[in-house]
C-alpha atoms as a PDB file:
ATOM      1  CA  MET A   1      76.731  72.843  91.325  1.00  0.00           C
ATOM      2  CA  GLY A   2      80.357  71.777  90.974  1.00  0.00           C
ATOM      3  CA  ARG A   3      81.060  74.704  88.647  1.00  0.00           C
ATOM      4  CA  ILE A   4      79.567  77.179  91.163  1.00  0.00           C
ATOM      5  CA  PHE A   5      81.714  75.681  93.936  1.00  0.00           C
ATOM      6  CA  GLU A   6      84.858  76.023  91.813  1.00  0.00           C
ATOM      7  CA  THR A   7      84.009  79.656  91.033  1.00  0.00           C
ATOM      8  CA  ARG A   8      83.519  80.442  94.727  1.00  0.00           C
ATOM      9  CA  LYS A   9      86.731  78.603  95.579  1.00  0.00           C
ATOM     10  CA  SER A  10      88.655  80.587  92.958  1.00  0.00           C
ATOM     11  CA  THR A  11      87.188  83.892  94.186  1.00  0.00           C
ATOM     12  CA  MET A  12      88.064  83.056  97.788  1.00  0.00           C
ATOM     13  CA  PHE A  13      91.617  82.087  96.819  1.00  0.00           C
ATOM     14  CA  ALA A  14      92.075  85.369  94.930  1.00  0.00           C
ATOM     15  CA  ARG A  15      90.794  87.298  97.944  1.00  0.00           C
ATOM     16  CA  TRP A  16      93.151  85.537 100.337  1.00  0.00           C
ATOM     17  CA  SER A  17      96.063  86.060  97.929  1.00  0.00           C
ATOM     18  CA  ARG A  18      95.383  89.816  97.834  1.00  0.00           C
ATOM     19  CA  MET A  19      95.117  89.896 101.620  1.00  0.00           C
ATOM     20  CA  ALA A  20      98.385  87.992 102.075  1.00  0.00           C
ATOM     21  CA  LYS A  21     100.133  90.349  99.668  1.00  0.00           C
ATOM     22  CA  ALA A  22      98.763  93.386 101.529  1.00  0.00           C
ATOM     23  CA  PHE A  23      99.992  91.989 104.860  1.00  0.00           C
ATOM     24  CA  THR A  24     103.467  91.372 103.402  1.00  0.00           C
ATOM     25  CA  ARG A  25     103.613  94.909 101.984  1.00  0.00           C
ATOM     26  CA  ILE A  26     102.511  96.515 105.252  1.00  0.00           C
ATOM     27  CA  SER A  27     104.881  94.340 107.308  1.00  0.00           C
ATOM     28  CA  LYS A  28     107.765  95.724 105.279  1.00  0.00           C
ATOM     29  CA  GLU A  29     106.463  99.277 105.728  1.00  0.00           C
ATOM     30  CA  ILE A  30     106.377  98.695 109.497  1.00  0.00           C
ATOM     31  CA  GLU A  31     109.884  97.212 109.560  1.00  0.00           C
ATOM     32  CA  ILE A  32     111.347 100.056 107.486  1.00  0.00           C
ATOM     33  CA  ALA A  33     109.644 102.639 109.708  1.00  0.00           C
ATOM     34  CA  VAL A  34     110.845 101.000 112.948  1.00  0.00           C
ATOM     35  CA  LYS A  35     114.431 100.688 111.663  1.00  0.00           C
ATOM     36  CA  ALA A  36     114.426 104.377 110.699  1.00  0.00           C
ATOM     37  CA  GLY A  37     112.594 105.950 113.634  1.00  0.00           C
ATOM     38  CA  GLY A  38     112.134 103.454 116.465  1.00  0.00           C
ATOM     39  CA  PRO A  39     109.185 101.352 117.714  1.00  0.00           C
ATOM     40  CA  ASP A  40     107.167 104.149 119.368  1.00  0.00           C
ATOM     41  CA  PRO A  41     104.442 105.365 116.969  1.00  0.00           C
ATOM     42  CA  HIS A  42     103.948 108.566 119.000  1.00  0.00           C
ATOM     43  CA  ASN A  43     107.456 109.672 118.021  1.00  0.00           C
ATOM     44  CA  ASN A  44     107.528 108.016 114.606  1.00  0.00           C
ATOM     45  CA  PRO A  45     105.075 109.435 112.010  1.00  0.00           C
ATOM     46  CA  ALA A  46     106.078 106.821 109.401  1.00  0.00           C
ATOM     47  CA  LEU A  47     105.248 104.008 111.826  1.00  0.00           C
ATOM     48  CA  ARG A  48     101.941 105.710 112.683  1.00  0.00           C
ATOM     49  CA  ARG A  49     101.039 105.709 108.980  1.00  0.00           C
ATOM     50  CA  ALA A  50     102.018 102.049 108.609  1.00  0.00           C
ATOM     51  CA  LEU A  51      99.908 101.072 111.631  1.00  0.00           C
ATOM     52  CA  GLN A  52      96.931 103.010 110.241  1.00  0.00           C
ATOM     53  CA  ASN A  53      97.301 101.131 106.957  1.00  0.00           C
ATOM     54  CA  ALA A  54      97.525  97.840 108.847  1.00  0.00           C
ATOM     55  CA  LYS A  55      94.252  98.611 110.612  1.00  0.00           C
ATOM     56  CA  ALA A  56      92.581  99.657 107.346  1.00  0.00           C
ATOM     57  CA  ASN A  57      93.532  96.284 105.837  1.00  0.00           C
ATOM     58  CA  ASN A  58      92.350  94.318 108.908  1.00  0.00           C
ATOM     59  CA  MET A  59      95.875  93.047 109.542  1.00  0.00           C
ATOM     60  CA  PRO A  60      95.881  90.855 112.684  1.00  0.00           C
ATOM     61  CA  LYS A  61      97.478  92.384 115.765  1.00  0.00           C
ATOM     62  CA  ASP A  62      99.914  89.481 116.158  1.00  0.00           C
ATOM     63  CA  LYS A  63     101.295  90.063 112.654  1.00  0.00           C
ATOM     64  CA  VAL A  64     101.752  93.771 113.390  1.00  0.00           C
ATOM     65  CA  GLU A  65     103.549  93.028 116.653  1.00  0.00           C
ATOM     66  CA  ALA A  66     105.725  90.414 114.938  1.00  0.00           C
ATOM     67  CA  ALA A  67     106.814  92.951 112.306  1.00  0.00           C
ATOM     68  CA  ILE A  68     107.758  95.496 115.001  1.00  0.00           C
ATOM     69  CA  LYS A  69     109.660  92.830 116.933  1.00  0.00           C
ATOM     70  CA  ARG A  70     111.556  91.680 113.820  1.00  0.00           C
ATOM     71  CA  ALA A  71     112.600  95.232 112.983  1.00  0.00           C
ATOM     72  CA  SER A  72     113.777  95.824 116.566  1.00  0.00           C
ATOM     73  CA  GLY A  73     115.981  92.705 116.601  1.00  0.00           C
ATOM     74  CA  GLN A  74     119.671  92.485 115.810  1.00  0.00           C
ATOM     75  CA  ASP A  75     119.065  90.200 112.844  1.00  0.00           C
ATOM     76  CA  ALA A  76     116.463  92.436 111.186  1.00  0.00           C
ATOM     77  CA  LYS A  77     116.614  92.599 107.408  1.00  0.00           C
ATOM     78  CA  ALA A  78     117.762  95.913 105.987  1.00  0.00           C
ATOM     79  CA  TYR A  79     115.016  96.682 103.482  1.00  0.00           C
ATOM     80  CA  GLU A  80     115.399  99.657 101.186  1.00  0.00           C
ATOM     81  CA  ILE A  81     112.842 101.279  98.928  1.00  0.00           C
ATOM     82  CA  VAL A  82     113.927 101.169  95.270  1.00  0.00           C
ATOM     83  CA  LEU A  83     111.889 102.515  92.352  1.00  0.00           C
ATOM     84  CA  TYR A  84     112.016 101.120  88.821  1.00  0.00           C
ATOM     85  CA  GLU A  85     110.600 102.915  85.803  1.00  0.00           C
ATOM     86  CA  GLY A  86     109.627 101.525  82.451  1.00  0.00           C
ATOM     87  CA  TYR A  87     107.054 101.040  79.731  1.00  0.00           C
ATOM     88  CA  GLY A  88     104.604  98.182  79.617  1.00  0.00           C
ATOM     89  CA  PRO A  89     102.545  96.969  76.653  1.00  0.00           C
ATOM     90  CA  HIS A  90     101.162  99.651  74.308  1.00  0.00           C
ATOM     91  CA  GLY A  91     103.425 102.367  75.700  1.00  0.00           C
ATOM     92  CA  ILE A  92     101.871 102.528  79.169  1.00  0.00           C
ATOM     93  CA  ALA A  93     104.332 104.131  81.599  1.00  0.00           C
ATOM     94  CA  MET A  94     104.923 102.405  84.936  1.00  0.00           C
ATOM     95  CA  ILE A  95     106.654 103.080  88.234  1.00  0.00           C
ATOM     96  CA  VAL A  96     107.339  99.979  90.316  1.00  0.00           C
ATOM     97  CA  GLU A  97     107.955 100.530  94.028  1.00  0.00           C
ATOM     98  CA  THR A  98     109.946  97.758  95.689  1.00  0.00           C
ATOM     99  CA  ALA A  99     111.153  97.059  99.225  1.00  0.00           C
ATOM    100  CA  THR A 100     114.165  94.797  98.966  1.00  0.00           C
ATOM    101  CA  ASP A 101     117.102  93.373 100.865  1.00  0.00           C
ATOM    102  CA  ASN A 102     118.719  92.197  97.614  1.00  0.00           C
ATOM    103  CA  VAL A 103     118.721  94.719  94.768  1.00  0.00           C
ATOM    104  CA  VAL A 104     120.384  92.310  92.319  1.00  0.00           C
ATOM    105  CA  ARG A 105     117.548  89.807  92.737  1.00  0.00           C
ATOM    106  CA  THR A 106     114.866  92.463  92.571  1.00  0.00           C
ATOM    107  CA  VAL A 107     116.026  94.225  89.405  1.00  0.00           C
ATOM    108  CA  ALA A 108     116.415  90.854  87.662  1.00  0.00           C
ATOM    109  CA  ASN A 109     112.855  89.880  88.568  1.00  0.00           C
ATOM    110  CA  VAL A 110     111.401  93.251  87.542  1.00  0.00           C
ATOM    111  CA  ARG A 111     113.182  93.098  84.164  1.00  0.00           C
ATOM    112  CA  MET A 112     111.922  89.535  83.672  1.00  0.00           C
ATOM    113  CA  HIS A 113     108.299  90.569  84.251  1.00  0.00           C
ATOM    114  CA  PHE A 114     108.533  93.523  81.850  1.00  0.00           C
ATOM    115  CA  LYS A 115     110.250  91.444  79.163  1.00  0.00           C
ATOM    116  CA  ALA A 116     107.682  88.640  79.428  1.00  0.00           C
ATOM    117  CA  HIS A 117     104.935  91.130  78.542  1.00  0.00           C
ATOM    118  CA  GLY A 118     106.735  93.009  75.787  1.00  0.00           C
ATOM    119  CA  GLY A 119     107.754  95.942  77.957  1.00  0.00           C
ATOM    120  CA  ASN A 120     111.101  97.275  79.070  1.00  0.00           C
ATOM    121  CA  VAL A 121     112.696  98.815  82.150  1.00  0.00           C
ATOM    122  CA  GLY A 122     114.095 102.301  81.607  1.00  0.00           C
ATOM    123  CA  THR A 123     116.556 104.508  83.441  1.00  0.00           C
ATOM    124  CA  THR A 124     115.743 106.649  86.470  1.00  0.00           C
ATOM    125  CA  GLY A 125     113.613 109.584  85.342  1.00  0.00           C
ATOM    126  CA  SER A 126     112.555 107.978  82.081  1.00  0.00           C
ATOM    127  CA  VAL A 127     108.838 108.062  82.992  1.00  0.00           C
ATOM    128  CA  ALA A 128     108.712 109.879  86.354  1.00  0.00           C
ATOM    129  CA  PHE A 129     107.893 113.157  84.595  1.00  0.00           C
ATOM    130  CA  LEU A 130     104.563 111.618  83.550  1.00  0.00           C
ATOM    131  CA  PHE A 131     103.474 111.342  87.191  1.00  0.00           C
ATOM    132  CA  ARG A 132     102.969 113.638  90.144  1.00  0.00           C
ATOM    133  CA  HIS A 133     104.354 112.418  93.468  1.00  0.00           C
ATOM    134  CA  MET A 134     101.624 113.111  96.028  1.00  0.00           C
ATOM    135  CA  GLY A 135     100.686 112.394  99.600  1.00  0.00           C
ATOM    136  CA  VAL A 136      97.309 110.659  99.793  1.00  0.00           C
ATOM    137  CA  PHE A 137      95.049 110.430 102.846  1.00  0.00           C
ATOM    138  CA  ARG A 138      91.771 108.553 103.147  1.00  0.00           C
ATOM    139  CA  LEU A 139      89.456 109.606 105.970  1.00  0.00           C
ATOM    140  CA  SER A 140      86.128 108.298 107.181  1.00  0.00           C
ATOM    141  CA  ALA A 141      83.458 110.727 105.988  1.00  0.00           C
ATOM    142  CA  GLU A 142      81.147 109.957 108.920  1.00  0.00           C
ATOM    143  CA  GLY A 143      80.473 113.051 111.021  1.00  0.00           C
ATOM    144  CA  VAL A 144      82.909 115.224 109.047  1.00  0.00           C
ATOM    145  CA  ASP A 145      81.968 118.606 107.566  1.00  0.00           C
ATOM    146  CA  ALA A 146      83.900 118.179 104.309  1.00  0.00           C
ATOM    147  CA  ASP A 147      83.607 121.819 103.196  1.00  0.00           C
ATOM    148  CA  ALA A 148      84.884 123.180 106.508  1.00  0.00           C
ATOM    149  CA  LEU A 149      87.670 120.615 106.641  1.00  0.00           C
ATOM    150  CA  GLU A 150      88.804 121.515 103.138  1.00  0.00           C
ATOM    151  CA  LEU A 151      89.030 125.212 104.036  1.00  0.00           C
ATOM    152  CA  ASP A 152      90.924 124.430 107.254  1.00  0.00           C
ATOM    153  CA  LEU A 153      93.518 122.252 105.489  1.00  0.00           C
ATOM    154  CA  ILE A 154      94.343 124.437 102.476  1.00  0.00           C
ATOM    155  CA  ASP A 155      97.058 126.288 104.407  1.00  0.00           C
ATOM    156  CA  ALA A 156      98.545 122.896 105.386  1.00  0.00           C
ATOM    157  CA  GLY A 157      99.135 122.000 101.744  1.00  0.00           C
ATOM    158  CA  LEU A 158      95.868 120.362 100.705  1.00  0.00           C
ATOM    159  CA  GLN A 159      95.702 120.325  96.887  1.00  0.00           C
ATOM    160  CA  GLU A 160      92.732 118.101  96.081  1.00  0.00           C
ATOM    161  CA  MET A 161      89.792 116.705  98.035  1.00  0.00           C
ATOM    162  CA  GLY A 162      87.009 114.432  96.884  1.00  0.00           C
ATOM    163  CA  GLU A 163      84.950 111.383  97.781  1.00  0.00           C
ATOM    164  CA  SER A 164      85.931 107.751  97.571  1.00  0.00           C
ATOM    165  CA  SER A 165      84.642 104.353  98.698  1.00  0.00           C
ATOM    166  CA  GLY A 166      86.259 102.000 101.180  1.00  0.00           C
ATOM    167  CA  GLU A 167      86.638  98.236 100.919  1.00  0.00           C
ATOM    168  CA  ASN A 168      83.075  97.697 102.171  1.00  0.00           C
ATOM    169  CA  GLY A 169      81.554 100.545 100.185  1.00  0.00           C
ATOM    170  CA  GLU A 170      81.643 103.025 103.061  1.00  0.00           C
ATOM    171  CA  LYS A 171      81.988 106.693 102.142  1.00  0.00           C
ATOM    172  CA  GLN A 172      85.472 108.145 102.531  1.00  0.00           C
ATOM    173  CA  LEU A 173      87.160 111.477 101.875  1.00  0.00           C
ATOM    174  CA  LEU A 174      90.214 111.397  99.608  1.00  0.00           C
ATOM    175  CA  LEU A 175      92.803 114.113 100.235  1.00  0.00           C
ATOM    176  CA  ARG A 176      95.932 114.791  98.184  1.00  0.00           C
ATOM    177  CA  CYS A 177      98.893 117.115  98.609  1.00  0.00           C
ATOM    178  CA  ASP A 178     102.317 117.593  97.063  1.00  0.00           C
ATOM    179  CA  PHE A 179     104.588 115.023  98.682  1.00  0.00           C
ATOM    180  CA  LYS A 180     106.790 117.763 100.168  1.00  0.00           C
ATOM    181  CA  ASP A 181     103.758 118.838 102.243  1.00  0.00           C
ATOM    182  CA  PHE A 182     102.942 115.321 103.460  1.00  0.00           C
ATOM    183  CA  GLY A 183     104.163 115.806 107.035  1.00  0.00           C
ATOM    184  CA  THR A 184     102.498 119.210 107.365  1.00  0.00           C
ATOM    185  CA  LEU A 185      99.128 117.925 106.175  1.00  0.00           C
ATOM    186  CA  GLN A 186      99.374 114.794 108.322  1.00  0.00           C
ATOM    187  CA  ALA A 187     100.028 116.942 111.407  1.00  0.00           C
ATOM    188  CA  ALA A 188      97.110 119.250 110.562  1.00  0.00           C
ATOM    189  CA  ILE A 189      94.724 116.299 110.157  1.00  0.00           C
ATOM    190  CA  GLU A 190      95.825 114.744 113.444  1.00  0.00           C
ATOM    191  CA  ALA A 191      95.585 118.135 115.214  1.00  0.00           C
ATOM    192  CA  LYS A 192      91.864 118.131 114.373  1.00  0.00           C
ATOM    193  CA  GLY A 193      91.493 114.803 116.189  1.00  0.00           C
ATOM    194  CA  ILE A 194      91.057 112.823 112.970  1.00  0.00           C
ATOM    195  CA  THR A 195      92.857 109.516 112.492  1.00  0.00           C
ATOM    196  CA  PRO A 196      93.201 108.701 108.760  1.00  0.00           C
ATOM    197  CA  VAL A 197      91.892 105.361 107.551  1.00  0.00           C
ATOM    198  CA  SER A 198      95.086 105.174 105.502  1.00  0.00           C
ATOM    199  CA  ALA A 199      97.929 107.441 104.457  1.00  0.00           C
ATOM    200  CA  GLY A 200     100.845 107.183 102.076  1.00  0.00           C
ATOM    201  CA  ALA A 201     102.585 108.427  98.961  1.00  0.00           C
ATOM    202  CA  GLU A 202     101.374 107.665  95.446  1.00  0.00           C
ATOM    203  CA  TYR A 203     102.413 108.511  91.906  1.00  0.00           C
ATOM    204  CA  ILE A 204      99.404 110.026  90.158  1.00  0.00           C
ATOM    205  CA  PRO A 205      99.451 110.033  86.322  1.00  0.00           C
ATOM    206  CA  LEU A 206      99.228 113.482  84.781  1.00  0.00           C
ATOM    207  CA  ASN A 207      97.556 112.294  81.579  1.00  0.00           C
ATOM    208  CA  PRO A 208      95.924 108.846  81.932  1.00  0.00           C
ATOM    209  CA  VAL A 209      95.793 106.853  78.689  1.00  0.00           C
ATOM    210  CA  GLU A 210      92.682 104.984  77.536  1.00  0.00           C
ATOM    211  CA  LEU A 211      93.132 101.705  75.665  1.00  0.00           C
ATOM    212  CA  PRO A 212      90.724  99.201  74.090  1.00  0.00           C
ATOM    213  CA  GLU A 213      89.645  96.477  76.506  1.00  0.00           C
ATOM    214  CA  ASP A 214      91.902  93.760  75.054  1.00  0.00           C
ATOM    215  CA  GLN A 215      94.995  95.987  75.207  1.00  0.00           C
ATOM    216  CA  ALA A 216      94.141  97.206  78.699  1.00  0.00           C
ATOM    217  CA  GLN A 217      93.958  93.589  79.871  1.00  0.00           C
ATOM    218  CA  GLU A 218      97.489  92.986  78.559  1.00  0.00           C
ATOM    219  CA  VAL A 219      98.740  95.895  80.658  1.00  0.00           C
ATOM    220  CA  LEU A 220      96.864  94.711  83.742  1.00  0.00           C
ATOM    221  CA  LYS A 221      98.333  91.217  83.384  1.00  0.00           C
ATOM    222  CA  LEU A 222     101.807  92.759  83.715  1.00  0.00           C
ATOM    223  CA  VAL A 223     100.607  94.756  86.726  1.00  0.00           C
ATOM    224  CA  ASP A 224      99.265  91.558  88.321  1.00  0.00           C
ATOM    225  CA  ASP A 225     102.532  89.698  87.743  1.00  0.00           C
ATOM    226  CA  LEU A 226     104.582  92.555  89.171  1.00  0.00           C
ATOM    227  CA  GLU A 227     102.346  92.895  92.221  1.00  0.00           C
ATOM    228  CA  GLY A 228     102.645  89.151  92.786  1.00  0.00           C
ATOM    229  CA  ASP A 229     106.418  89.481  93.197  1.00  0.00           C
ATOM    230  CA  ASP A 230     107.511  89.323  96.847  1.00  0.00           C
ATOM    231  CA  ASP A 231     109.775  92.374  96.484  1.00  0.00           C
ATOM    232  CA  VAL A 232     107.177  94.619  94.841  1.00  0.00           C
ATOM    233  CA  GLN A 233     105.156  96.914  97.082  1.00  0.00           C
ATOM    234  CA  ARG A 234     103.011  98.818  94.586  1.00  0.00           C
ATOM    235  CA  VAL A 235     102.742  99.502  90.857  1.00  0.00           C
ATOM    236  CA  PHE A 236     101.665 102.883  89.447  1.00  0.00           C
ATOM    237  CA  HIS A 237     100.758 103.320  85.769  1.00  0.00           C
ATOM    238  CA  THR A 238      99.243 105.712  83.277  1.00  0.00           C
ATOM    239  CA  LEU A 239      96.432 103.388  82.149  1.00  0.00           C
ATOM    240  CA  ALA A 240      93.092 105.144  82.640  1.00  0.00           C
END
């Protein structure tokens, strides 16, 4: 009985840790968006996206409002998005997206994580060519004619469309476009009266690499350590 309790306790702690990390990431997205385009989501597409992502992650309203208030204040931190590229264990390419107010601290931490797992940080462009920078939208599939929607959005830059599952297993539609078409596709989706469950930019690997289970776990341990860093927003990699 004690062992079962410890397992449940560990699972719950891991869940809360992931949730806390998601809230921190989205708070920074909100603050960056507000600093760049103001606190009105109707006139700020980046803030609209951040608020959609907050809702998709069940982020409490008070935390959302606190992030907007912080970004609107005189003492708001000046976060900037900085990308780091490198290779993890077994030659797996990685792009690490950070939001930082102290680049010196952030690059030192990123290098430390890579080094601890036998990887190394490269120069800008050293692995970016192995990825495709894309806009990614997730929509609720309920009541949507997917075939008709796909045809309607092709002229707005839609490149790929498929099915996905949400956090609770609900059916979603996954849409991708070249990042340069992000704003056009977002506007076309909203013009049809559809509010995305989430929206953002991702680096999609062109040729995912398969590894044996033990080697894949070594790569994922580096990913976990990077994602646990306060300055790291997301980690993209070529591991299949």
